[in-house]
Amino acid sequence: SSDLRRRLGVPDEFVLSVGSNKPHKNLRVLVEAWSQVTERARDGAARLLLVLAGPRDARFDEGGAAADALRRAGRLLSVGAVPDAALAALYRGATLFVFPSIAEGFGLPVIEAMGHGAPVVCIRIRPLLELTGGAAALFDPNDAGALATLLERMLASPADRDRLSEA
């Protein structure tokens, strides 16, 4: 699985988000939050990479200028749609899985991430509340600042990540 990740250019430690780049997937808020995290980072978080996996639609961007700046700084990598084996390797290897989507019927990526033992951070909406049953860290889908603070807390606390993984 580390070989698959290496072929994609993904390092050993990374934050993962899976989904398309359509507007309802809310990548703008995730990218804004990640930009704040990397600007304020003084430790290991400064080296972490945000990996976006999933199909890309050329009609939509992935966070505009902030995403472009993160990409140039080596803090964001879009790997596009990946085969199931590579996706499973990404879930298993993720330091943290973040799901910012604001319109979900079911939330399959959340289930997949949890099934592979990834600690999950997702938005606070009824379907995902029921799905995660307290086994995820939750955030307001419109508040990039709150998401940045939550990401910083989770990245700084292996114990919190372990607790979510076990749950």
Protein backbone atom coordinates (compact mmCIF):
# COMPACT_ATOMS: atom_id res chain seq x y z
CA SER A 1 0.00 0.00 0.00
CA SER A 2 2.90 2.39 0.59
CA ASP A 3 4.09 1.56 -2.95
CA LEU A 4 0.71 2.59 -4.34
CA ARG A 5 0.84 5.84 -2.38
CA ARG A 6 4.38 6.55 -3.55
CA ARG A 7 3.37 6.08 -7.18
CA LEU A 8 0.71 8.73 -6.65
CA GLY A 9 3.24 11.06 -5.03
CA VAL A 10 1.65 10.76 -1.58
CA PRO A 11 4.01 10.83 1.42
CA ASP A 12 3.76 8.65 4.53
CA GLU A 13 1.81 11.28 6.48
CA PHE A 14 -1.09 13.15 4.89
CA VAL A 15 -4.63 14.41 5.35
CA LEU A 16 -7.11 12.88 2.89
CA SER A 17 -10.38 14.07 1.41
CA VAL A 18 -12.32 11.97 -1.10
CA GLY A 19 -14.99 13.23 -3.46
CA SER A 20 -15.47 15.21 -6.63
CA ASN A 21 -14.74 18.92 -6.93
CA LYS A 22 -18.39 19.87 -7.48
CA PRO A 23 -19.53 22.87 -5.40
CA HIS A 24 -21.65 20.84 -2.95
CA LYS A 25 -18.53 18.90 -1.95
CA ASN A 26 -17.43 22.12 -0.19
CA LEU A 27 -13.74 21.94 -1.11
CA ARG A 28 -13.54 25.73 -0.88
CA VAL A 29 -14.02 25.59 2.91
CA LEU A 30 -11.55 22.71 3.26
CA VAL A 31 -8.92 24.50 1.17
CA GLU A 32 -9.40 27.73 3.15
CA ALA A 33 -9.04 25.81 6.41
CA TRP A 34 -5.94 23.94 5.18
CA SER A 35 -4.40 27.23 4.11
CA GLN A 36 -4.88 28.55 7.67
CA VAL A 37 -3.43 25.36 9.18
CA THR A 38 -0.30 25.51 7.02
CA GLU A 39 0.18 29.26 7.62
CA ARG A 40 0.06 28.81 11.41
CA ALA A 41 1.95 25.50 11.60
CA ARG A 42 5.17 25.44 13.56
CA ASP A 43 5.71 21.68 13.75
CA GLY A 44 4.90 18.51 11.85
CA ALA A 45 1.66 19.94 10.49
CA ALA A 46 3.74 22.29 8.36
CA ARG A 47 5.02 19.28 6.42
CA LEU A 48 1.68 17.53 6.04
CA LEU A 49 0.05 17.34 2.64
CA LEU A 50 -3.67 17.60 1.90
CA VAL A 51 -4.52 14.93 -0.68
CA LEU A 52 -7.71 15.30 -2.71
CA ALA A 53 -8.86 12.08 -4.36
CA GLY A 54 -11.84 11.64 -6.64
CA PRO A 55 -13.10 12.57 -10.08
CA ARG A 56 -12.44 16.12 -11.25
CA ASP A 57 -14.89 18.15 -13.32
CA ALA A 58 -13.16 20.86 -15.39
CA ARG A 59 -16.15 23.19 -14.87
CA PHE A 60 -15.28 23.58 -11.17
CA ASP A 61 -12.11 24.54 -9.34
CA GLU A 62 -10.82 23.14 -6.07
CA GLY A 63 -10.63 26.29 -4.01
CA GLY A 64 -9.36 28.93 -6.41
CA ALA A 65 -6.26 30.96 -5.63
CA ALA A 66 -5.85 29.37 -2.18
CA ALA A 67 -5.66 25.90 -3.74
CA ASP A 68 -3.18 27.13 -6.36
CA ALA A 69 -0.96 28.65 -3.65
CA LEU A 70 -1.10 25.45 -1.57
CA ARG A 71 -0.22 23.38 -4.64
CA ARG A 72 2.79 25.62 -5.43
CA ALA A 73 3.92 25.36 -1.79
CA GLY A 74 3.72 21.55 -1.93
CA ARG A 75 0.89 21.39 0.62
CA LEU A 76 -1.94 20.15 -1.65
CA LEU A 77 -2.01 17.29 -4.13
CA SER A 78 -4.94 16.27 -6.33
CA VAL A 79 -4.64 12.67 -7.44
CA GLY A 80 -7.96 12.49 -9.29
CA ALA A 81 -10.01 9.32 -9.48
CA VAL A 82 -7.99 6.33 -8.32
CA PRO A 83 -8.59 2.56 -8.54
CA ASP A 84 -10.22 0.90 -5.52
CA ALA A 85 -6.93 -0.64 -4.33
CA ALA A 86 -5.22 2.75 -4.33
CA LEU A 87 -8.18 4.37 -2.59
CA ALA A 88 -8.09 1.70 0.13
CA ALA A 89 -4.35 2.34 0.57
CA LEU A 90 -5.03 6.07 0.89
CA TYR A 91 -7.70 5.50 3.55
CA ARG A 92 -5.44 3.13 5.50
CA GLY A 93 -2.48 5.48 5.36
CA ALA A 94 -4.25 8.75 6.11
CA THR A 95 -3.26 10.62 9.25
CA LEU A 96 -6.75 12.11 9.14
CA PHE A 97 -9.73 11.88 6.78
CA VAL A 98 -11.77 15.06 6.19
CA PHE A 99 -15.21 15.10 4.58
CA PRO A 100 -16.54 18.65 4.05
CA SER A 101 -19.46 17.82 1.71
CA ILE A 102 -22.65 19.74 2.50
CA ALA A 103 -25.09 17.57 0.53
CA GLU A 104 -24.87 13.85 1.16
CA GLY A 105 -27.50 11.21 0.78
CA PHE A 106 -25.43 8.61 2.58
CA GLY A 107 -21.77 9.55 2.96
CA LEU A 108 -20.05 6.48 1.52
CA PRO A 109 -16.52 7.95 1.79
CA VAL A 110 -17.06 8.39 5.55
CA ILE A 111 -18.06 4.73 5.91
CA GLU A 112 -15.10 3.63 3.79
CA ALA A 113 -12.66 5.76 5.80
CA MET A 114 -14.02 4.42 9.09
CA GLY A 115 -13.89 0.87 7.73
CA HIS A 116 -10.18 1.31 6.99
CA GLY A 117 -9.48 2.77 10.43
CA ALA A 118 -8.92 6.38 9.41
CA PRO A 119 -9.87 9.00 12.02
CA VAL A 120 -12.73 11.01 10.51
CA VAL A 121 -13.53 14.73 10.59
CA CYS A 122 -16.83 15.58 8.87
CA ILE A 123 -19.54 18.20 8.82
CA ARG A 124 -22.33 18.29 11.36
CA ILE A 125 -25.44 17.28 9.36
CA ARG A 126 -28.09 14.75 10.33
CA PRO A 127 -27.16 11.94 7.88
CA LEU A 128 -23.51 12.03 8.97
CA LEU A 129 -24.37 12.39 12.67
CA GLU A 130 -26.43 9.21 12.43
CA LEU A 131 -23.83 7.47 10.30
CA THR A 132 -20.85 8.22 12.54
CA GLY A 133 -22.62 7.79 15.87
CA GLY A 134 -20.10 9.86 17.81
CA ALA A 135 -17.08 8.28 16.11
CA ALA A 136 -16.09 11.43 14.18
CA ALA A 137 -14.99 14.96 15.00
CA LEU A 138 -17.61 17.35 13.62
CA PHE A 139 -17.53 20.90 12.26
CA ASP A 140 -19.85 23.56 10.85
CA PRO A 141 -19.71 23.24 7.04
CA ASN A 142 -19.48 27.00 6.48
CA ASP A 143 -16.77 27.88 9.01
CA ALA A 144 -13.25 27.46 7.60
CA GLY A 145 -11.75 28.95 10.76
CA ALA A 146 -13.46 26.41 13.00
CA LEU A 147 -12.39 23.59 10.69
CA ALA A 148 -8.79 24.86 10.75
CA THR A 149 -8.83 24.88 14.56
CA LEU A 150 -10.31 21.36 14.65
CA LEU A 151 -7.72 20.08 12.16
CA GLU A 152 -4.92 21.60 14.22
CA ARG A 153 -6.27 19.98 17.37
CA MET A 154 -6.65 16.58 15.73
CA LEU A 155 -3.21 16.72 14.08
CA ALA A 156 -1.60 17.66 17.39
CA SER A 157 -3.29 14.82 19.28
CA PRO A 158 -2.46 11.23 18.33
CA ALA A 159 -4.65 10.16 21.28
CA ASP A 160 -7.72 11.89 19.76
CA ARG A 161 -7.00 10.35 16.37
CA ASP A 162 -6.56 6.89 17.94
CA ARG A 163 -9.83 7.31 19.85
CA LEU A 164 -11.70 8.08 16.62
CA SER A 165 -10.00 5.24 14.74
CA GLU A 166 -10.98 2.75 17.44
CA ALA A 167 -14.54 4.07 17.65
